[in-house]
N, C-alpha and C. Protein backbone atom coordinates (compact mmCIF):
# COMPACT_ATOMS: atom_id res chain seq x y z
N UNK A 1 43.87 -5.74 -11.72
CA UNK A 1 43.53 -5.89 -10.34
C UNK A 1 44.14 -7.00 -9.84
N UNK A 2 44.84 -6.89 -8.67
CA UNK A 2 45.51 -8.08 -8.08
C UNK A 2 44.53 -8.76 -6.97
N UNK A 3 44.59 -10.03 -6.90
CA UNK A 3 43.78 -10.76 -5.82
C UNK A 3 44.11 -10.22 -4.46
N UNK A 4 42.99 -10.12 -3.69
CA UNK A 4 43.19 -9.55 -2.28
C UNK A 4 44.17 -10.32 -1.57
N UNK A 5 44.08 -11.72 -1.60
CA UNK A 5 44.88 -12.53 -0.95
C UNK A 5 46.44 -12.31 -1.22
N UNK A 6 46.73 -11.90 -2.37
CA UNK A 6 48.10 -11.63 -2.88
C UNK A 6 48.61 -10.33 -2.20
N UNK A 7 47.85 -9.28 -2.22
CA UNK A 7 48.32 -8.04 -1.67
C UNK A 7 48.09 -7.92 -0.20
N UNK A 8 47.37 -8.76 0.44
CA UNK A 8 47.17 -8.62 1.79
C UNK A 8 48.41 -8.42 2.72
N UNK A 9 49.45 -9.31 2.64
CA UNK A 9 50.66 -9.12 3.39
C UNK A 9 51.41 -7.91 3.00
N UNK A 10 51.26 -7.40 1.74
CA UNK A 10 52.06 -6.22 1.39
C UNK A 10 51.32 -4.93 2.03
N UNK A 11 49.96 -4.99 2.04
CA UNK A 11 49.22 -3.97 2.72
C UNK A 11 49.61 -3.94 4.20
N UNK A 12 49.56 -5.02 4.80
CA UNK A 12 49.80 -5.16 6.28
C UNK A 12 51.14 -4.66 6.59
N UNK A 13 52.16 -4.87 5.74
CA UNK A 13 53.43 -4.40 6.02
C UNK A 13 53.57 -2.97 6.47
N UNK A 14 52.86 -2.05 5.58
CA UNK A 14 52.78 -0.72 6.08
C UNK A 14 51.65 -0.37 7.07
N UNK A 15 50.67 -0.99 7.04
CA UNK A 15 49.64 -0.79 7.98
C UNK A 15 50.02 -1.04 9.45
N UNK A 16 50.82 -2.07 9.53
CA UNK A 16 51.36 -2.38 10.98
C UNK A 16 52.36 -1.40 11.33
N UNK A 17 52.91 -0.66 10.43
CA UNK A 17 53.95 0.32 10.81
C UNK A 17 53.26 1.74 11.05
N UNK A 18 51.92 1.75 10.95
CA UNK A 18 51.30 2.99 11.32
C UNK A 18 50.71 3.70 10.15
N UNK A 19 50.74 3.14 8.86
CA UNK A 19 50.25 3.80 7.70
C UNK A 19 48.78 3.63 7.61
N UNK A 20 48.05 4.62 7.33
CA UNK A 20 46.51 4.40 7.00
C UNK A 20 46.30 4.19 5.62
N UNK A 21 45.52 3.08 5.29
CA UNK A 21 45.25 2.66 3.92
C UNK A 21 44.08 3.53 3.47
N UNK A 22 44.29 4.05 2.26
CA UNK A 22 43.26 4.89 1.61
C UNK A 22 42.72 4.19 0.43
N UNK A 23 41.35 4.26 0.22
CA UNK A 23 40.73 3.48 -0.89
C UNK A 23 39.98 4.39 -1.80
N UNK A 24 39.72 5.66 -1.60
CA UNK A 24 38.92 6.52 -2.39
C UNK A 24 39.68 7.82 -2.63
N UNK A 25 39.23 8.50 -3.69
CA UNK A 25 39.82 9.81 -4.07
C UNK A 25 39.53 10.78 -2.94
N UNK A 26 38.37 10.69 -2.34
CA UNK A 26 37.98 11.69 -1.34
C UNK A 26 38.84 11.44 -0.15
N UNK A 27 39.15 10.23 0.31
CA UNK A 27 39.97 9.97 1.40
C UNK A 27 41.47 10.45 1.20
N UNK A 28 41.93 10.35 -0.04
CA UNK A 28 43.25 10.74 -0.38
C UNK A 28 43.32 12.26 -0.36
N UNK A 29 42.36 12.97 -0.91
CA UNK A 29 42.42 14.48 -0.88
C UNK A 29 42.20 15.00 0.54
N UNK A 30 41.43 14.28 1.26
CA UNK A 30 41.31 14.75 2.73
C UNK A 30 42.53 14.54 3.45
N UNK A 31 43.20 13.38 3.32
CA UNK A 31 44.46 13.06 4.01
C UNK A 31 45.57 14.13 3.59
N UNK A 32 45.75 14.30 2.31
CA UNK A 32 46.81 15.25 1.87
C UNK A 32 46.55 16.65 2.23
N UNK A 33 45.34 17.05 2.26
CA UNK A 33 45.16 18.44 2.56
C UNK A 33 44.97 18.77 4.03
N UNK A 34 45.31 17.86 4.94
CA UNK A 34 45.38 18.09 6.43
C UNK A 34 46.40 19.06 6.66
N UNK A 35 46.32 19.74 7.65
CA UNK A 35 47.31 20.69 8.17
C UNK A 35 48.64 19.80 8.65
N UNK A 36 49.79 20.26 8.30
CA UNK A 36 50.88 19.47 8.64
C UNK A 36 51.52 18.68 7.55
N UNK A 37 52.37 17.69 7.81
CA UNK A 37 52.95 16.98 6.89
C UNK A 37 52.32 15.64 6.68
N UNK A 38 52.19 15.10 5.45
CA UNK A 38 51.75 13.86 5.20
C UNK A 38 52.61 13.07 4.16
N UNK A 39 53.17 11.87 4.61
CA UNK A 39 53.78 10.97 3.65
C UNK A 39 52.83 10.10 2.97
N UNK A 40 52.87 10.05 1.61
CA UNK A 40 52.02 9.14 0.90
C UNK A 40 52.97 8.09 0.24
N UNK A 41 52.74 6.80 0.46
CA UNK A 41 53.50 5.72 -0.10
C UNK A 41 52.57 5.02 -1.14
N UNK A 42 52.81 5.12 -2.32
CA UNK A 42 52.22 4.33 -3.47
C UNK A 42 52.88 2.96 -3.45
N UNK A 43 52.18 2.02 -2.77
CA UNK A 43 52.58 0.67 -2.59
C UNK A 43 52.50 -0.15 -3.93
N UNK A 44 53.09 -1.23 -4.01
CA UNK A 44 53.15 -2.01 -5.20
C UNK A 44 53.43 -3.52 -4.94
N UNK A 45 53.22 -4.36 -5.83
CA UNK A 45 53.48 -5.82 -5.75
C UNK A 45 55.01 -6.14 -6.18
N UNK A 46 55.60 -5.10 -6.80
CA UNK A 46 56.94 -5.36 -7.43
C UNK A 46 57.96 -5.67 -6.39
N UNK A 47 59.01 -6.24 -6.77
CA UNK A 47 60.17 -6.58 -5.88
C UNK A 47 60.72 -5.39 -5.34
N UNK A 48 60.92 -4.31 -6.04
CA UNK A 48 61.56 -3.11 -5.38
C UNK A 48 60.70 -2.52 -4.31
N UNK A 49 59.39 -2.76 -4.30
CA UNK A 49 58.57 -2.30 -3.21
C UNK A 49 58.84 -3.08 -1.97
N UNK A 50 59.02 -4.40 -2.22
CA UNK A 50 59.26 -5.31 -1.05
C UNK A 50 60.65 -5.22 -0.50
N UNK A 51 61.64 -4.98 -1.35
CA UNK A 51 63.04 -4.89 -0.84
C UNK A 51 63.54 -3.63 -0.53
N UNK A 52 62.92 -2.51 -1.20
CA UNK A 52 63.51 -1.30 -0.95
C UNK A 52 62.48 -0.22 -0.36
N UNK A 53 61.29 -0.12 -1.08
CA UNK A 53 60.35 1.05 -0.81
C UNK A 53 59.72 0.86 0.57
N UNK A 54 59.13 -0.32 0.82
CA UNK A 54 58.37 -0.49 2.18
C UNK A 54 59.46 -0.48 3.33
N UNK A 55 60.55 -1.22 3.24
CA UNK A 55 61.54 -1.20 4.36
C UNK A 55 62.08 0.25 4.57
N UNK A 56 62.28 0.91 3.39
CA UNK A 56 62.86 2.35 3.49
C UNK A 56 61.99 3.27 4.18
N UNK A 57 60.58 3.13 3.85
CA UNK A 57 59.62 4.03 4.53
C UNK A 57 59.50 3.78 5.88
N UNK A 58 59.46 2.39 6.26
CA UNK A 58 59.46 2.11 7.76
C UNK A 58 60.75 2.62 8.43
N UNK A 59 61.79 2.36 7.92
CA UNK A 59 63.10 2.71 8.55
C UNK A 59 63.17 4.31 8.72
N UNK A 60 62.59 5.02 7.78
CA UNK A 60 62.76 6.50 7.85
C UNK A 60 61.94 7.03 9.11
N UNK A 61 61.10 6.19 9.65
CA UNK A 61 60.30 6.69 10.83
C UNK A 61 61.11 6.62 12.10
N UNK A 62 62.32 6.15 12.05
CA UNK A 62 63.30 6.13 13.14
C UNK A 62 64.07 7.44 13.24
N UNK A 63 63.50 8.57 12.84
CA UNK A 63 64.03 9.82 12.86
C UNK A 63 63.43 10.79 13.90
N UNK A 64 64.28 11.62 14.39
CA UNK A 64 63.67 12.65 15.36
C UNK A 64 62.51 13.40 14.83
N UNK A 65 62.45 13.67 13.69
CA UNK A 65 61.27 14.39 12.98
C UNK A 65 60.71 13.41 12.02
N UNK A 66 59.30 13.29 12.10
CA UNK A 66 58.59 12.41 11.18
C UNK A 66 57.34 13.14 10.75
N UNK A 67 56.72 12.61 9.64
CA UNK A 67 55.45 13.33 9.19
C UNK A 67 54.34 13.21 10.25
N UNK A 68 53.52 14.15 10.19
CA UNK A 68 52.23 14.18 11.11
C UNK A 68 51.39 12.93 10.67
N UNK A 69 51.24 12.69 9.39
CA UNK A 69 50.31 11.62 8.87
C UNK A 69 51.07 10.77 7.97
N UNK A 70 50.75 9.49 8.12
CA UNK A 70 51.31 8.44 7.19
C UNK A 70 50.15 7.75 6.48
N UNK A 71 50.22 7.74 5.18
CA UNK A 71 49.06 7.04 4.39
C UNK A 71 49.68 6.28 3.24
N UNK A 72 48.87 5.36 2.71
CA UNK A 72 49.29 4.59 1.59
C UNK A 72 48.13 4.18 0.70
N UNK A 73 48.40 4.05 -0.55
CA UNK A 73 47.52 3.61 -1.54
C UNK A 73 48.19 2.44 -2.35
N UNK A 74 47.38 1.53 -2.96
CA UNK A 74 47.99 0.34 -3.48
C UNK A 74 47.79 0.40 -5.00
N UNK A 75 48.94 0.51 -5.86
CA UNK A 75 48.88 0.54 -7.32
C UNK A 75 48.30 -0.81 -7.80
N UNK A 76 47.40 -0.78 -8.74
CA UNK A 76 46.90 -1.99 -9.30
C UNK A 76 45.77 -2.55 -8.41
N UNK A 77 45.42 -1.84 -7.45
CA UNK A 77 44.23 -2.39 -6.63
C UNK A 77 43.34 -1.26 -6.30
N UNK A 78 43.77 -0.11 -5.72
CA UNK A 78 42.99 1.01 -5.21
C UNK A 78 43.02 2.11 -6.35
N UNK A 79 42.44 1.79 -7.61
CA UNK A 79 42.70 2.60 -8.69
C UNK A 79 42.20 4.06 -8.39
N UNK A 80 41.05 4.26 -7.82
CA UNK A 80 40.53 5.64 -7.61
C UNK A 80 41.51 6.36 -6.64
N UNK A 81 41.94 5.72 -5.74
CA UNK A 81 42.77 6.43 -4.65
C UNK A 81 44.09 6.59 -5.23
N UNK A 82 44.68 5.75 -6.04
CA UNK A 82 46.05 5.86 -6.71
C UNK A 82 45.89 7.04 -7.65
N UNK A 83 44.92 7.07 -8.47
CA UNK A 83 44.80 8.21 -9.41
C UNK A 83 44.72 9.57 -8.82
N UNK A 84 43.92 9.61 -7.72
CA UNK A 84 43.89 10.86 -6.98
C UNK A 84 45.23 11.25 -6.39
N UNK A 85 45.99 10.30 -5.84
CA UNK A 85 47.21 10.71 -5.34
C UNK A 85 48.19 11.17 -6.36
N UNK A 86 48.15 10.40 -7.42
CA UNK A 86 49.10 10.73 -8.58
C UNK A 86 48.77 12.08 -9.16
N UNK A 87 47.55 12.39 -9.20
CA UNK A 87 47.09 13.74 -9.77
C UNK A 87 47.70 14.93 -8.79
N UNK A 88 47.75 14.63 -7.57
CA UNK A 88 48.43 15.51 -6.77
C UNK A 88 49.88 15.54 -6.68
N UNK A 89 50.55 14.66 -7.34
CA UNK A 89 52.02 14.52 -7.54
C UNK A 89 52.54 15.09 -8.76
N UNK A 90 51.70 15.67 -9.59
CA UNK A 90 52.12 16.38 -10.84
C UNK A 90 53.11 17.39 -10.35
N UNK A 91 54.12 17.60 -11.10
CA UNK A 91 54.53 17.20 -12.49
C UNK A 91 55.29 15.92 -12.60
N UNK A 92 55.34 15.07 -11.63
CA UNK A 92 55.98 13.80 -11.58
C UNK A 92 55.14 12.87 -12.27
N UNK A 93 55.67 12.01 -13.24
CA UNK A 93 54.90 11.04 -13.97
C UNK A 93 54.52 9.94 -12.93
N UNK A 94 53.36 9.25 -13.27
CA UNK A 94 53.00 8.06 -12.31
C UNK A 94 53.94 7.07 -12.37
N UNK A 95 54.31 6.60 -11.12
CA UNK A 95 55.22 5.42 -10.90
C UNK A 95 54.79 4.76 -9.61
N UNK A 96 55.16 3.47 -9.68
CA UNK A 96 54.93 2.73 -8.37
C UNK A 96 55.99 1.69 -8.32
N UNK A 97 56.56 1.56 -7.15
CA UNK A 97 56.28 2.33 -5.96
C UNK A 97 56.76 3.70 -6.00
N UNK A 98 56.32 4.65 -5.14
CA UNK A 98 56.75 5.95 -5.11
C UNK A 98 56.34 6.55 -3.81
N UNK A 99 56.95 7.73 -3.38
CA UNK A 99 56.59 8.26 -2.10
C UNK A 99 56.62 9.75 -2.27
N UNK A 100 55.67 10.43 -1.62
CA UNK A 100 55.68 11.83 -1.73
C UNK A 100 55.30 12.44 -0.33
N UNK A 101 55.98 13.53 -0.07
CA UNK A 101 55.82 14.19 1.22
C UNK A 101 55.08 15.50 0.83
N UNK A 102 54.01 15.77 1.67
CA UNK A 102 53.21 16.99 1.37
C UNK A 102 53.16 17.74 2.65
N UNK A 103 53.13 19.09 2.42
CA UNK A 103 53.16 19.95 3.76
C UNK A 103 52.00 20.89 3.37
N UNK A 104 50.97 20.78 4.42
CA UNK A 104 49.81 21.67 4.28
C UNK A 104 49.19 21.53 2.83
N UNK A 105 49.12 20.32 2.29
CA UNK A 105 48.52 20.14 1.06
C UNK A 105 49.51 20.32 -0.17
N UNK A 106 50.70 20.80 0.01
CA UNK A 106 51.58 21.10 -1.14
C UNK A 106 52.68 20.04 -1.15
N UNK A 107 52.93 19.51 -2.31
CA UNK A 107 54.00 18.58 -2.55
C UNK A 107 55.37 19.19 -2.35
N UNK A 108 56.10 18.61 -1.39
CA UNK A 108 57.48 19.30 -1.10
C UNK A 108 58.62 18.27 -1.40
N UNK A 109 58.26 17.10 -1.53
CA UNK A 109 59.40 16.05 -1.80
C UNK A 109 58.86 14.80 -2.47
N UNK A 110 59.48 14.32 -3.43
CA UNK A 110 59.08 13.23 -4.22
C UNK A 110 60.24 12.19 -4.39
N UNK A 111 59.86 10.88 -4.26
CA UNK A 111 60.80 9.78 -4.55
C UNK A 111 60.03 8.98 -5.55
N UNK A 112 60.66 8.94 -6.72
CA UNK A 112 60.04 8.07 -7.83
C UNK A 112 60.61 6.73 -7.89
N UNK A 113 59.94 5.89 -8.68
CA UNK A 113 60.40 4.49 -8.83
C UNK A 113 61.89 4.38 -9.17
N UNK A 114 62.33 5.20 -10.10
CA UNK A 114 63.71 5.09 -10.55
C UNK A 114 64.68 5.60 -9.40
N UNK A 115 64.18 6.22 -8.38
CA UNK A 115 65.03 6.52 -7.17
C UNK A 115 65.09 5.32 -6.13
N UNK A 116 64.06 4.39 -6.37
CA UNK A 116 63.92 3.31 -5.52
C UNK A 116 64.65 2.04 -6.00
N UNK A 117 64.41 1.79 -7.32
CA UNK A 117 65.01 0.60 -7.91
C UNK A 117 66.42 0.53 -7.75
N UNK A 118 66.93 -0.59 -7.22
CA UNK A 118 68.38 -0.80 -7.10
C UNK A 118 69.17 -0.05 -5.96
N UNK A 119 68.38 0.59 -5.13
CA UNK A 119 68.87 1.31 -4.07
C UNK A 119 68.44 0.67 -2.78
N UNK A 120 69.43 0.60 -1.75
CA UNK A 120 68.98 -0.04 -0.61
C UNK A 120 68.07 0.70 0.30
N UNK A 121 67.35 0.01 1.06
CA UNK A 121 66.36 0.66 1.94
C UNK A 121 66.84 1.73 2.84
N UNK A 122 68.05 1.59 3.32
CA UNK A 122 68.76 2.61 4.19
C UNK A 122 68.94 3.95 3.35
N UNK A 123 69.28 3.82 2.04
CA UNK A 123 69.40 5.06 1.31
C UNK A 123 68.06 5.78 1.08
N UNK A 124 67.04 5.15 0.88
CA UNK A 124 65.83 5.61 0.63
C UNK A 124 65.31 6.21 1.98
N UNK A 125 65.51 5.64 3.10
CA UNK A 125 65.23 6.19 4.47
C UNK A 125 65.93 7.42 4.65
N UNK A 126 67.20 7.37 4.28
CA UNK A 126 67.99 8.62 4.51
C UNK A 126 67.55 9.74 3.74
N UNK A 127 67.14 9.51 2.44
CA UNK A 127 66.51 10.50 1.60
C UNK A 127 65.33 11.14 2.36
N UNK A 128 64.40 10.27 2.78
CA UNK A 128 63.22 10.64 3.42
C UNK A 128 63.45 11.44 4.80
N UNK A 129 64.44 10.93 5.57
CA UNK A 129 64.82 11.62 6.79
C UNK A 129 65.25 13.11 6.54
N UNK A 130 66.05 13.17 5.39
CA UNK A 130 66.43 14.55 5.16
C UNK A 130 65.28 15.47 4.76
N UNK A 131 64.25 14.86 4.17
CA UNK A 131 63.14 15.66 3.78
C UNK A 131 62.26 15.95 5.09
N UNK A 132 62.22 14.93 6.00
CA UNK A 132 61.54 15.19 7.25
C UNK A 132 62.13 16.35 8.00
N UNK A 133 63.52 16.36 7.99
CA UNK A 133 64.22 17.33 8.78
C UNK A 133 64.05 18.76 8.21
N UNK A 134 63.81 18.83 6.90
CA UNK A 134 63.57 20.14 6.20
C UNK A 134 62.19 20.53 6.40
N UNK A 135 61.19 19.64 6.39
CA UNK A 135 59.77 20.06 6.25
C UNK A 135 58.95 19.66 7.44
N UNK A 136 59.36 18.77 8.37
CA UNK A 136 58.43 18.37 9.45
C UNK A 136 58.65 19.10 10.73
């Protein structure tokens, strides 16, 4: 578990962009099972989250089509919520950061850590935008 003061600015980065922070398994399941599309960002303290994942997720929202719902869980902090989200991302192995797009509760697009590491935020945003155009 990371200290709250360490993760606060990392949480706020997505929250200020309109992502709802989820802390419990019930909140995750409710959010993902909503009608429409839901983007779930598994946030992290790692450098690739700061340099690539969070900026890419925020940049992707500058698309004509965007998800109906934006939510985030924080790996290493919100254990219950993260585990619930990852259980709904099967068959993909747990990774953080990661991003998943759900439509009507079904996983339709996944970006794993290995798709994030070493890739610029613009490329991650482009990947998400293509998914939004297909599913939103």
